[in-house]
């Protein structure tokens, strides 16, 4: 499922339970690969509970039946790799928007 770009037509939502036991509803931005693992980028939908542009990054796995699971990124080094790859993905999306899908 690496590199799955989600269009507005098929938005998916996830409800996260944070460390303080509060729930945050998020839209799935994308599922992408970094360092041989899959990760998911989530954007909170409630403007009041998040900082501007705050994105949550988690490890993303699916079991044999296709049921998704999220887990925390364990080290600062892993987080840097994932954040860098997500930034690259954002840059690619901006490029596609500027150039258009016809010129790929």
PDB file of N, CA and C in Angstrom:
ATOM      1  N   UNK A   1       0.819  -1.173   0.000  1.00  0.00           N
ATOM      2  CA  UNK A   1       0.000   0.000   0.000  1.00  0.00           C
ATOM      3  C   UNK A   1       0.875   1.254   0.000  1.00  0.00           C
ATOM      4  N   UNK A   2       2.165   1.091  -0.116  1.00  0.00           N
ATOM      5  CA  UNK A   2       3.079   2.233  -0.081  1.00  0.00           C
ATOM      6  C   UNK A   2       2.756   3.223  -1.187  1.00  0.00           C
ATOM      7  N   UNK A   3       2.841   4.496  -0.838  1.00  0.00           N
ATOM      8  CA  UNK A   3       2.646   5.544  -1.823  1.00  0.00           C
ATOM      9  C   UNK A   3       1.195   5.757  -2.222  1.00  0.00           C
ATOM     10  N   UNK A   4       0.271   5.318  -1.437  1.00  0.00           N
ATOM     11  CA  UNK A   4      -1.144   5.487  -1.783  1.00  0.00           C
ATOM     12  C   UNK A   4      -1.534   6.939  -1.600  1.00  0.00           C
ATOM     13  N   UNK A   5      -1.864   7.605  -2.685  1.00  0.00           N
ATOM     14  CA  UNK A   5      -2.336   8.976  -2.623  1.00  0.00           C
ATOM     15  C   UNK A   5      -3.855   8.944  -2.575  1.00  0.00           C
ATOM     16  N   UNK A   6      -4.407   9.712  -1.678  1.00  0.00           N
ATOM     17  CA  UNK A   6      -5.845   9.715  -1.493  1.00  0.00           C
ATOM     18  C   UNK A   6      -6.434  10.962  -2.108  1.00  0.00           C
ATOM     19  N   UNK A   7      -7.417  10.784  -2.969  1.00  0.00           N
ATOM     20  CA  UNK A   7      -8.122  11.903  -3.569  1.00  0.00           C
ATOM     21  C   UNK A   7      -9.230  12.348  -2.641  1.00  0.00           C
ATOM     22  N   UNK A   8      -9.734  13.546  -2.846  1.00  0.00           N
ATOM     23  CA  UNK A   8     -10.824  14.053  -2.015  1.00  0.00           C
ATOM     24  C   UNK A   8     -12.051  13.166  -2.091  1.00  0.00           C
ATOM     25  N   UNK A   9     -12.228  12.434  -3.203  1.00  0.00           N
ATOM     26  CA  UNK A   9     -13.394  11.585  -3.368  1.00  0.00           C
ATOM     27  C   UNK A   9     -13.398  10.403  -2.408  1.00  0.00           C
ATOM     28  N   UNK A  10     -12.205   9.977  -1.957  1.00  0.00           N
ATOM     29  CA  UNK A  10     -12.136   8.793  -1.108  1.00  0.00           C
ATOM     30  C   UNK A  10     -11.404   9.088   0.198  1.00  0.00           C
ATOM     31  N   UNK A  11     -11.745  10.226   0.815  1.00  0.00           N
ATOM     32  CA  UNK A  11     -11.134  10.585   2.086  1.00  0.00           C
ATOM     33  C   UNK A  11     -11.447   9.534   3.136  1.00  0.00           C
ATOM     34  N   UNK A  12     -10.431   9.235   3.933  1.00  0.00           N
ATOM     35  CA  UNK A  12     -10.596   8.305   5.040  1.00  0.00           C
ATOM     36  C   UNK A  12     -10.290   9.053   6.330  1.00  0.00           C
ATOM     37  N   UNK A  13     -10.978   8.674   7.377  1.00  0.00           N
ATOM     38  CA  UNK A  13     -10.805   9.322   8.666  1.00  0.00           C
ATOM     39  C   UNK A  13     -10.365   8.303   9.702  1.00  0.00           C
ATOM     40  N   UNK A  14      -9.588   8.790  10.684  1.00  0.00           N
ATOM     41  CA  UNK A  14      -9.100   7.969  11.775  1.00  0.00           C
ATOM     42  C   UNK A  14      -9.325   8.767  13.048  1.00  0.00           C
ATOM     43  N   UNK A  15      -9.772   8.103  14.105  1.00  0.00           N
ATOM     44  CA  UNK A  15      -9.863   8.752  15.404  1.00  0.00           C
ATOM     45  C   UNK A  15      -8.710   8.266  16.261  1.00  0.00           C
ATOM     46  N   UNK A  16      -7.847   9.206  16.658  1.00  0.00           N
ATOM     47  CA  UNK A  16      -6.702   8.888  17.505  1.00  0.00           C
ATOM     48  C   UNK A  16      -7.049   9.162  18.960  1.00  0.00           C
ATOM     49  N   UNK A  17      -6.564   8.307  19.849  1.00  0.00           N
ATOM     50  CA  UNK A  17      -6.645   8.575  21.269  1.00  0.00           C
ATOM     51  C   UNK A  17      -5.245   8.977  21.709  1.00  0.00           C
ATOM     52  N   UNK A  18      -5.118  10.211  22.176  1.00  0.00           N
ATOM     53  CA  UNK A  18      -3.817  10.746  22.564  1.00  0.00           C
ATOM     54  C   UNK A  18      -3.445  10.306  23.983  1.00  0.00           C
ATOM     55  N   UNK A  19      -2.215  10.637  24.391  1.00  0.00           N
ATOM     56  CA  UNK A  19      -1.720  10.225  25.703  1.00  0.00           C
ATOM     57  C   UNK A  19      -2.583  10.733  26.847  1.00  0.00           C
ATOM     58  N   UNK A  20      -3.232  11.885  26.670  1.00  0.00           N
ATOM     59  CA  UNK A  20      -4.093  12.434  27.724  1.00  0.00           C
ATOM     60  C   UNK A  20      -5.528  11.898  27.649  1.00  0.00           C
ATOM     61  N   UNK A  21      -5.717  10.826  26.857  1.00  0.00           N
ATOM     62  CA  UNK A  21      -7.011  10.152  26.662  1.00  0.00           C
ATOM     63  C   UNK A  21      -8.024  10.986  25.893  1.00  0.00           C
ATOM     64  N   UNK A  22      -7.604  12.093  25.286  1.00  0.00           N
ATOM     65  CA  UNK A  22      -8.512  12.847  24.429  1.00  0.00           C
ATOM     66  C   UNK A  22      -8.513  12.221  23.037  1.00  0.00           C
ATOM     67  N   UNK A  23      -9.639  12.350  22.347  1.00  0.00           N
ATOM     68  CA  UNK A  23      -9.774  11.814  20.993  1.00  0.00           C
ATOM     69  C   UNK A  23      -9.653  12.944  19.984  1.00  0.00           C
ATOM     70  N   UNK A  24      -8.964  12.670  18.896  1.00  0.00           N
ATOM     71  CA  UNK A  24      -8.797  13.635  17.817  1.00  0.00           C
ATOM     72  C   UNK A  24      -9.158  12.944  16.512  1.00  0.00           C
ATOM     73  N   UNK A  25     -10.135  13.511  15.793  1.00  0.00           N
ATOM     74  CA  UNK A  25     -10.485  12.972  14.481  1.00  0.00           C
ATOM     75  C   UNK A  25      -9.522  13.560  13.453  1.00  0.00           C
ATOM     76  N   UNK A  26      -8.977  12.682  12.600  1.00  0.00           N
ATOM     77  CA  UNK A  26      -8.004  13.098  11.594  1.00  0.00           C
ATOM     78  C   UNK A  26      -8.397  12.553  10.229  1.00  0.00           C
ATOM     79  N   UNK A  27      -8.043  13.310   9.199  1.00  0.00           N
ATOM     80  CA  UNK A  27      -8.185  12.824   7.839  1.00  0.00           C
ATOM     81  C   UNK A  27      -6.841  12.227   7.435  1.00  0.00           C
ATOM     82  N   UNK A  28      -6.888  11.123   6.700  1.00  0.00           N
ATOM     83  CA  UNK A  28      -5.675  10.487   6.205  1.00  0.00           C
ATOM     84  C   UNK A  28      -5.187  11.288   5.004  1.00  0.00           C
ATOM     85  N   UNK A  29      -3.967  11.809   5.094  1.00  0.00           N
ATOM     86  CA  UNK A  29      -3.386  12.565   3.987  1.00  0.00           C
ATOM     87  C   UNK A  29      -2.818  11.599   2.960  1.00  0.00           C
ATOM     88  N   UNK A  30      -1.976  10.679   3.426  1.00  0.00           N
ATOM     89  CA  UNK A  30      -1.366   9.702   2.540  1.00  0.00           C
ATOM     90  C   UNK A  30      -0.754   8.580   3.363  1.00  0.00           C
ATOM     91  N   UNK A  31      -0.513   7.473   2.699  1.00  0.00           N
ATOM     92  CA  UNK A  31       0.259   6.363   3.241  1.00  0.00           C
ATOM     93  C   UNK A  31       1.469   6.257   2.330  1.00  0.00           C
ATOM     94  N   UNK A  32       2.658   6.245   2.915  1.00  0.00           N
ATOM     95  CA  UNK A  32       3.873   6.305   2.118  1.00  0.00           C
ATOM     96  C   UNK A  32       4.957   5.403   2.719  1.00  0.00           C
ATOM     97  N   UNK A  33       5.963   5.124   1.923  1.00  0.00           N
ATOM     98  CA  UNK A  33       7.065   4.283   2.366  1.00  0.00           C
ATOM     99  C   UNK A  33       8.276   5.141   2.675  1.00  0.00           C
ATOM    100  N   UNK A  34       8.954   4.785   3.750  1.00  0.00           N
ATOM    101  CA  UNK A  34      10.224   5.432   4.115  1.00  0.00           C
ATOM    102  C   UNK A  34      11.068   4.392   4.828  1.00  0.00           C
ATOM    103  N   UNK A  35      12.281   4.177   4.342  1.00  0.00           N
ATOM    104  CA  UNK A  35      13.166   3.230   5.003  1.00  0.00           C
ATOM    105  C   UNK A  35      12.612   1.824   5.106  1.00  0.00           C
ATOM    106  N   UNK A  36      11.935   1.353   4.069  1.00  0.00           N
ATOM    107  CA  UNK A  36      11.411  -0.012   3.976  1.00  0.00           C
ATOM    108  C   UNK A  36      10.228  -0.309   4.891  1.00  0.00           C
ATOM    109  N   UNK A  37       9.586   0.716   5.408  1.00  0.00           N
ATOM    110  CA  UNK A  37       8.364   0.557   6.202  1.00  0.00           C
ATOM    111  C   UNK A  37       7.307   1.480   5.627  1.00  0.00           C
ATOM    112  N   UNK A  38       6.058   1.190   5.945  1.00  0.00           N
ATOM    113  CA  UNK A  38       4.963   2.074   5.565  1.00  0.00           C
ATOM    114  C   UNK A  38       4.614   2.975   6.743  1.00  0.00           C
ATOM    115  N   UNK A  39       4.250   4.207   6.400  1.00  0.00           N
ATOM    116  CA  UNK A  39       3.861   5.211   7.388  1.00  0.00           C
ATOM    117  C   UNK A  39       2.593   5.896   6.911  1.00  0.00           C
ATOM    118  N   UNK A  40       1.912   6.548   7.845  1.00  0.00           N
ATOM    119  CA  UNK A  40       0.683   7.261   7.528  1.00  0.00           C
ATOM    120  C   UNK A  40       0.800   8.689   8.057  1.00  0.00           C
ATOM    121  N   UNK A  41       0.296   9.618   7.275  1.00  0.00           N
ATOM    122  CA  UNK A  41       0.259  11.027   7.674  1.00  0.00           C
ATOM    123  C   UNK A  41      -1.193  11.411   7.912  1.00  0.00           C
ATOM    124  N   UNK A  42      -1.462  11.967   9.082  1.00  0.00           N
ATOM    125  CA  UNK A  42      -2.824  12.318   9.499  1.00  0.00           C
ATOM    126  C   UNK A  42      -2.906  13.794   9.831  1.00  0.00           C
ATOM    127  N   UNK A  43      -3.985  14.434   9.387  1.00  0.00           N
ATOM    128  CA  UNK A  43      -4.217  15.847   9.656  1.00  0.00           C
ATOM    129  C   UNK A  43      -5.462  15.986  10.519  1.00  0.00           C
ATOM    130  N   UNK A  44      -5.329  16.564  11.723  1.00  0.00           N
ATOM    131  CA  UNK A  44      -6.509  16.757  12.580  1.00  0.00           C
ATOM    132  C   UNK A  44      -7.568  17.597  11.866  1.00  0.00           C
ATOM    133  N   UNK A  45      -8.840  17.218  12.016  1.00  0.00           N
ATOM    134  CA  UNK A  45      -9.928  17.941  11.362  1.00  0.00           C
ATOM    135  C   UNK A  45     -10.482  19.048  12.232  1.00  0.00           C
ATOM    136  N   UNK A  46     -10.261  18.980  13.539  1.00  0.00           N
ATOM    137  CA  UNK A  46     -10.777  19.984  14.470  1.00  0.00           C
ATOM    138  C   UNK A  46      -9.733  21.078  14.645  1.00  0.00           C
ATOM    139  N   UNK A  47     -10.011  22.262  14.079  1.00  0.00           N
ATOM    140  CA  UNK A  47      -9.056  23.363  14.116  1.00  0.00           C
ATOM    141  C   UNK A  47      -8.709  23.794  15.545  1.00  0.00           C
ATOM    142  N   UNK A  48      -9.611  23.620  16.463  1.00  0.00           N
ATOM    143  CA  UNK A  48      -9.364  24.059  17.819  1.00  0.00           C
ATOM    144  C   UNK A  48      -8.384  23.202  18.594  1.00  0.00           C
ATOM    145  N   UNK A  49      -8.169  21.959  18.198  1.00  0.00           N
ATOM    146  CA  UNK A  49      -7.314  21.063  18.974  1.00  0.00           C
ATOM    147  C   UNK A  49      -5.915  20.932  18.407  1.00  0.00           C
ATOM    148  N   UNK A  50      -5.608  21.603  17.319  1.00  0.00           N
ATOM    149  CA  UNK A  50      -4.288  21.425  16.719  1.00  0.00           C
ATOM    150  C   UNK A  50      -3.670  22.761  16.354  1.00  0.00           C
ATOM    151  N   UNK A  51      -2.356  22.747  16.272  1.00  0.00           N
ATOM    152  CA  UNK A  51      -1.633  23.919  15.792  1.00  0.00           C
ATOM    153  C   UNK A  51      -1.786  23.982  14.283  1.00  0.00           C
ATOM    154  N   UNK A  52      -1.539  25.162  13.705  1.00  0.00           N
ATOM    155  CA  UNK A  52      -1.630  25.304  12.255  1.00  0.00           C
ATOM    156  C   UNK A  52      -0.716  24.322  11.551  1.00  0.00           C
ATOM    157  N   UNK A  53      -1.286  23.515  10.690  1.00  0.00           N
ATOM    158  CA  UNK A  53      -0.493  22.613   9.870  1.00  0.00           C
ATOM    159  C   UNK A  53       0.077  21.414  10.595  1.00  0.00           C
ATOM    160  N   UNK A  54      -0.340  21.155  11.816  1.00  0.00           N
ATOM    161  CA  UNK A  54       0.177  20.012  12.558  1.00  0.00           C
ATOM    162  C   UNK A  54      -0.259  18.712  11.886  1.00  0.00           C
ATOM    163  N   UNK A  55       0.711  17.848  11.628  1.00  0.00           N
ATOM    164  CA  UNK A  55       0.453  16.558  11.001  1.00  0.00           C
ATOM    165  C   UNK A  55       1.007  15.480  11.919  1.00  0.00           C
ATOM    166  N   UNK A  56       0.226  14.412  12.116  1.00  0.00           N
ATOM    167  CA  UNK A  56       0.679  13.275  12.907  1.00  0.00           C
ATOM    168  C   UNK A  56       1.248  12.225  11.967  1.00  0.00           C
ATOM    169  N   UNK A  57       2.421  11.698  12.303  1.00  0.00           N
ATOM    170  CA  UNK A  57       3.057  10.632  11.527  1.00  0.00           C
ATOM    171  C   UNK A  57       3.152   9.392  12.396  1.00  0.00           C
ATOM    172  N   UNK A  58       2.695   8.247  11.844  1.00  0.00           N
ATOM    173  CA  UNK A  58       2.732   6.971  12.552  1.00  0.00           C
ATOM    174  C   UNK A  58       3.203   5.863  11.613  1.00  0.00           C
ATOM    175  N   UNK A  59       3.718   4.793  12.214  1.00  0.00           N
ATOM    176  CA  UNK A  59       3.959   3.570  11.439  1.00  0.00           C
ATOM    177  C   UNK A  59       2.594   3.016  11.043  1.00  0.00           C
ATOM    178  N   UNK A  60       2.549   2.423   9.847  1.00  0.00           N
ATOM    179  CA  UNK A  60       1.289   1.870   9.335  1.00  0.00           C
ATOM    180  C   UNK A  60       1.530   0.423   8.933  1.00  0.00           C
ATOM    181  N   UNK A  61       0.706  -0.479   9.430  1.00  0.00           N
ATOM    182  CA  UNK A  61       0.785  -1.898   9.069  1.00  0.00           C
ATOM    183  C   UNK A  61      -0.614  -2.421   8.800  1.00  0.00           C
ATOM    184  N   UNK A  62      -0.675  -3.495   8.040  1.00  0.00           N
ATOM    185  CA  UNK A  62      -1.926  -4.214   7.831  1.00  0.00           C
ATOM    186  C   UNK A  62      -1.687  -5.683   8.142  1.00  0.00           C
ATOM    187  N   UNK A  63      -2.677  -6.330   8.783  1.00  0.00           N
ATOM    188  CA  UNK A  63      -2.563  -7.764   9.033  1.00  0.00           C
ATOM    189  C   UNK A  63      -2.952  -8.542   7.775  1.00  0.00           C
ATOM    190  N   UNK A  64      -2.961  -9.855   7.879  1.00  0.00           N
ATOM    191  CA  UNK A  64      -3.255 -10.721   6.721  1.00  0.00           C
ATOM    192  C   UNK A  64      -4.633 -10.456   6.136  1.00  0.00           C
ATOM    193  N   UNK A  65      -5.556  -9.982   6.956  1.00  0.00           N
ATOM    194  CA  UNK A  65      -6.925  -9.707   6.514  1.00  0.00           C
ATOM    195  C   UNK A  65      -7.108  -8.273   6.026  1.00  0.00           C
ATOM    196  N   UNK A  66      -6.026  -7.477   6.017  1.00  0.00           N
ATOM    197  CA  UNK A  66      -6.103  -6.105   5.547  1.00  0.00           C
ATOM    198  C   UNK A  66      -6.558  -5.092   6.587  1.00  0.00           C
ATOM    199  N   UNK A  67      -6.614  -5.513   7.860  1.00  0.00           N
ATOM    200  CA  UNK A  67      -6.999  -4.594   8.928  1.00  0.00           C
ATOM    201  C   UNK A  67      -5.809  -3.709   9.288  1.00  0.00           C
ATOM    202  N   UNK A  68      -5.984  -2.393   9.253  1.00  0.00           N
ATOM    203  CA  UNK A  68      -4.864  -1.490   9.525  1.00  0.00           C
ATOM    204  C   UNK A  68      -4.559  -1.376  11.013  1.00  0.00           C
ATOM    205  N   UNK A  69      -3.291  -1.063  11.314  1.00  0.00           N
ATOM    206  CA  UNK A  69      -2.898  -0.734  12.678  1.00  0.00           C
ATOM    207  C   UNK A  69      -1.829   0.348  12.626  1.00  0.00           C
ATOM    208  N   UNK A  70      -1.858   1.214  13.617  1.00  0.00           N
ATOM    209  CA  UNK A  70      -0.898   2.301  13.725  1.00  0.00           C
ATOM    210  C   UNK A  70      -0.046   2.081  14.965  1.00  0.00           C
ATOM    211  N   UNK A  71       1.218   2.452  14.870  1.00  0.00           N
ATOM    212  CA  UNK A  71       2.086   2.411  16.040  1.00  0.00           C
ATOM    213  C   UNK A  71       3.017   3.615  16.004  1.00  0.00           C
ATOM    214  N   UNK A  72       3.495   3.975  17.169  1.00  0.00           N
ATOM    215  CA  UNK A  72       4.340   5.154  17.290  1.00  0.00           C
ATOM    216  C   UNK A  72       5.700   4.943  16.648  1.00  0.00           C
ATOM    217  N   UNK A  73       6.257   6.014  16.152  1.00  0.00           N
ATOM    218  CA  UNK A  73       7.630   6.012  15.659  1.00  0.00           C
ATOM    219  C   UNK A  73       8.519   6.025  16.897  1.00  0.00           C
ATOM    220  N   UNK A  74       9.489   5.108  16.945  1.00  0.00           N
ATOM    221  CA  UNK A  74      10.176   4.841  18.197  1.00  0.00           C
ATOM    222  C   UNK A  74      11.391   5.705  18.499  1.00  0.00           C
ATOM    223  N   UNK A  75      12.082   6.208  17.475  1.00  0.00           N
ATOM    224  CA  UNK A  75      13.305   6.964  17.747  1.00  0.00           C
ATOM    225  C   UNK A  75      13.289   8.295  17.001  1.00  0.00           C
ATOM    226  N   UNK A  76      14.108   9.216  17.470  1.00  0.00           N
ATOM    227  CA  UNK A  76      14.243  10.509  16.791  1.00  0.00           C
ATOM    228  C   UNK A  76      14.809  10.311  15.394  1.00  0.00           C
ATOM    229  N   UNK A  77      15.734   9.363  15.257  1.00  0.00           N
ATOM    230  CA  UNK A  77      16.336   9.084  13.947  1.00  0.00           C
ATOM    231  C   UNK A  77      15.287   8.587  12.958  1.00  0.00           C
ATOM    232  N   UNK A  78      14.448   7.670  13.385  1.00  0.00           N
ATOM    233  CA  UNK A  78      13.374   7.166  12.529  1.00  0.00           C
ATOM    234  C   UNK A  78      12.418   8.302  12.174  1.00  0.00           C
ATOM    235  N   UNK A  79      12.088   9.140  13.155  1.00  0.00           N
ATOM    236  CA  UNK A  79      11.178  10.250  12.902  1.00  0.00           C
ATOM    237  C   UNK A  79      11.750  11.192  11.843  1.00  0.00           C
ATOM    238  N   UNK A  80      13.039  11.492  11.921  1.00  0.00           N
ATOM    239  CA  UNK A  80      13.678  12.379  10.945  1.00  0.00           C
ATOM    240  C   UNK A  80      13.584  11.804   9.536  1.00  0.00           C
ATOM    241  N   UNK A  81      13.810  10.510   9.400  1.00  0.00           N
ATOM    242  CA  UNK A  81      13.715   9.848   8.090  1.00  0.00           C
ATOM    243  C   UNK A  81      12.292   9.968   7.549  1.00  0.00           C
ATOM    244  N   UNK A  82      11.318   9.695   8.401  1.00  0.00           N
ATOM    245  CA  UNK A  82       9.910   9.732   8.000  1.00  0.00           C
ATOM    246  C   UNK A  82       9.476  11.161   7.667  1.00  0.00           C
ATOM    247  N   UNK A  83       9.858  12.119   8.506  1.00  0.00           N
ATOM    248  CA  UNK A  83       9.484  13.516   8.273  1.00  0.00           C
ATOM    249  C   UNK A  83      10.106  14.031   6.973  1.00  0.00           C
ATOM    250  N   UNK A  84      11.357  13.659   6.711  1.00  0.00           N
ATOM    251  CA  UNK A  84      12.007  14.069   5.457  1.00  0.00           C
ATOM    252  C   UNK A  84      11.282  13.495   4.251  1.00  0.00           C
ATOM    253  N   UNK A  85      10.892  12.226   4.332  1.00  0.00           N
ATOM    254  CA  UNK A  85      10.181  11.592   3.211  1.00  0.00           C
ATOM    255  C   UNK A  85       8.814  12.230   3.015  1.00  0.00           C
ATOM    256  N   UNK A  86       8.129  12.553   4.106  1.00  0.00           N
ATOM    257  CA  UNK A  86       6.828  13.213   3.990  1.00  0.00           C
ATOM    258  C   UNK A  86       6.987  14.589   3.348  1.00  0.00           C
ATOM    259  N   UNK A  87       8.026  15.331   3.733  1.00  0.00           N
ATOM    260  CA  UNK A  87       8.300  16.629   3.105  1.00  0.00           C
ATOM    261  C   UNK A  87       8.536  16.486   1.606  1.00  0.00           C
ATOM    262  N   UNK A  88       9.271  15.435   1.217  1.00  0.00           N
ATOM    263  CA  UNK A  88       9.482  15.172  -0.210  1.00  0.00           C
ATOM    264  C   UNK A  88       8.154  14.900  -0.903  1.00  0.00           C
ATOM    265  N   UNK A  89       7.291  14.122  -0.260  1.00  0.00           N
ATOM    266  CA  UNK A  89       5.972  13.824  -0.829  1.00  0.00           C
ATOM    267  C   UNK A  89       5.190  15.116  -1.027  1.00  0.00           C
ATOM    268  N   UNK A  90       5.219  16.008  -0.017  1.00  0.00           N
ATOM    269  CA  UNK A  90       4.521  17.291  -0.147  1.00  0.00           C
ATOM    270  C   UNK A  90       5.059  18.088  -1.325  1.00  0.00           C
ATOM    271  N   UNK A  91       6.381  18.110  -1.482  1.00  0.00           N
ATOM    272  CA  UNK A  91       6.990  18.819  -2.608  1.00  0.00           C
ATOM    273  C   UNK A  91       6.526  18.233  -3.938  1.00  0.00           C
ATOM    274  N   UNK A  92       6.434  16.891  -4.013  1.00  0.00           N
ATOM    275  CA  UNK A  92       5.963  16.227  -5.240  1.00  0.00           C
ATOM    276  C   UNK A  92       4.534  16.638  -5.553  1.00  0.00           C
ATOM    277  N   UNK A  93       3.694  16.750  -4.525  1.00  0.00           N
ATOM    278  CA  UNK A  93       2.299  17.132  -4.729  1.00  0.00           C
ATOM    279  C   UNK A  93       2.197  18.563  -5.234  1.00  0.00           C
ATOM    280  N   UNK A  94       3.024  19.447  -4.677  1.00  0.00           N
ATOM    281  CA  UNK A  94       3.039  20.836  -5.138  1.00  0.00           C
ATOM    282  C   UNK A  94       3.499  20.908  -6.585  1.00  0.00           C
ATOM    283  N   UNK A  95       4.506  20.112  -6.955  1.00  0.00           N
ATOM    284  CA  UNK A  95       5.003  20.097  -8.327  1.00  0.00           C
ATOM    285  C   UNK A  95       3.904  19.633  -9.279  1.00  0.00           C
ATOM    286  N   UNK A  96       3.203  18.559  -8.895  1.00  0.00           N
ATOM    287  CA  UNK A  96       2.120  18.052  -9.747  1.00  0.00           C
ATOM    288  C   UNK A  96       1.030  19.101  -9.905  1.00  0.00           C
ATOM    289  N   UNK A  97       0.767  19.856  -8.858  1.00  0.00           N
ATOM    290  CA  UNK A  97      -0.266  20.888  -8.919  1.00  0.00           C
ATOM    291  C   UNK A  97       0.154  22.031  -9.845  1.00  0.00           C
ATOM    292  N   UNK A  98       1.434  22.389  -9.807  1.00  0.00           N
ATOM    293  CA  UNK A  98       1.940  23.466 -10.642  1.00  0.00           C
ATOM    294  C   UNK A  98       2.009  23.033 -12.095  1.00  0.00           C
ATOM    295  N   UNK A  99       2.617  21.862 -12.342  1.00  0.00           N
ATOM    296  CA  UNK A  99       2.849  21.380 -13.704  1.00  0.00           C
ATOM    297  C   UNK A  99       1.593  20.765 -14.297  1.00  0.00           C
ATOM    298  N   UNK A 100       0.824  20.107 -13.474  1.00  0.00           N
ATOM    299  CA  UNK A 100      -0.371  19.409 -13.956  1.00  0.00           C
ATOM    300  C   UNK A 100      -0.055  17.956 -14.197  1.00  0.00           C
ATOM    301  N   UNK A 101      -1.045  17.120 -14.067  1.00  0.00           N
ATOM    302  CA  UNK A 101      -0.870  15.682 -14.233  1.00  0.00           C
ATOM    303  C   UNK A 101      -0.520  15.300 -15.667  1.00  0.00           C
ATOM    304  N   UNK A 102      -0.856  16.128 -16.645  1.00  0.00           N
ATOM    305  CA  UNK A 102      -0.617  15.803 -18.052  1.00  0.00           C
ATOM    306  C   UNK A 102       0.859  15.806 -18.420  1.00  0.00           C
ATOM    307  N   UNK A 103       1.691  16.523 -17.663  1.00  0.00           N
ATOM    308  CA  UNK A 103       3.086  16.683 -18.028  1.00  0.00           C
ATOM    309  C   UNK A 103       4.030  15.770 -17.289  1.00  0.00           C
ATOM    310  N   UNK A 104       3.545  14.757 -16.572  1.00  0.00           N
ATOM    311  CA  UNK A 104       4.403  13.818 -15.852  1.00  0.00           C
ATOM    312  C   UNK A 104       5.186  12.932 -16.770  1.00  0.00           C
TER     313      UNK A 104
END
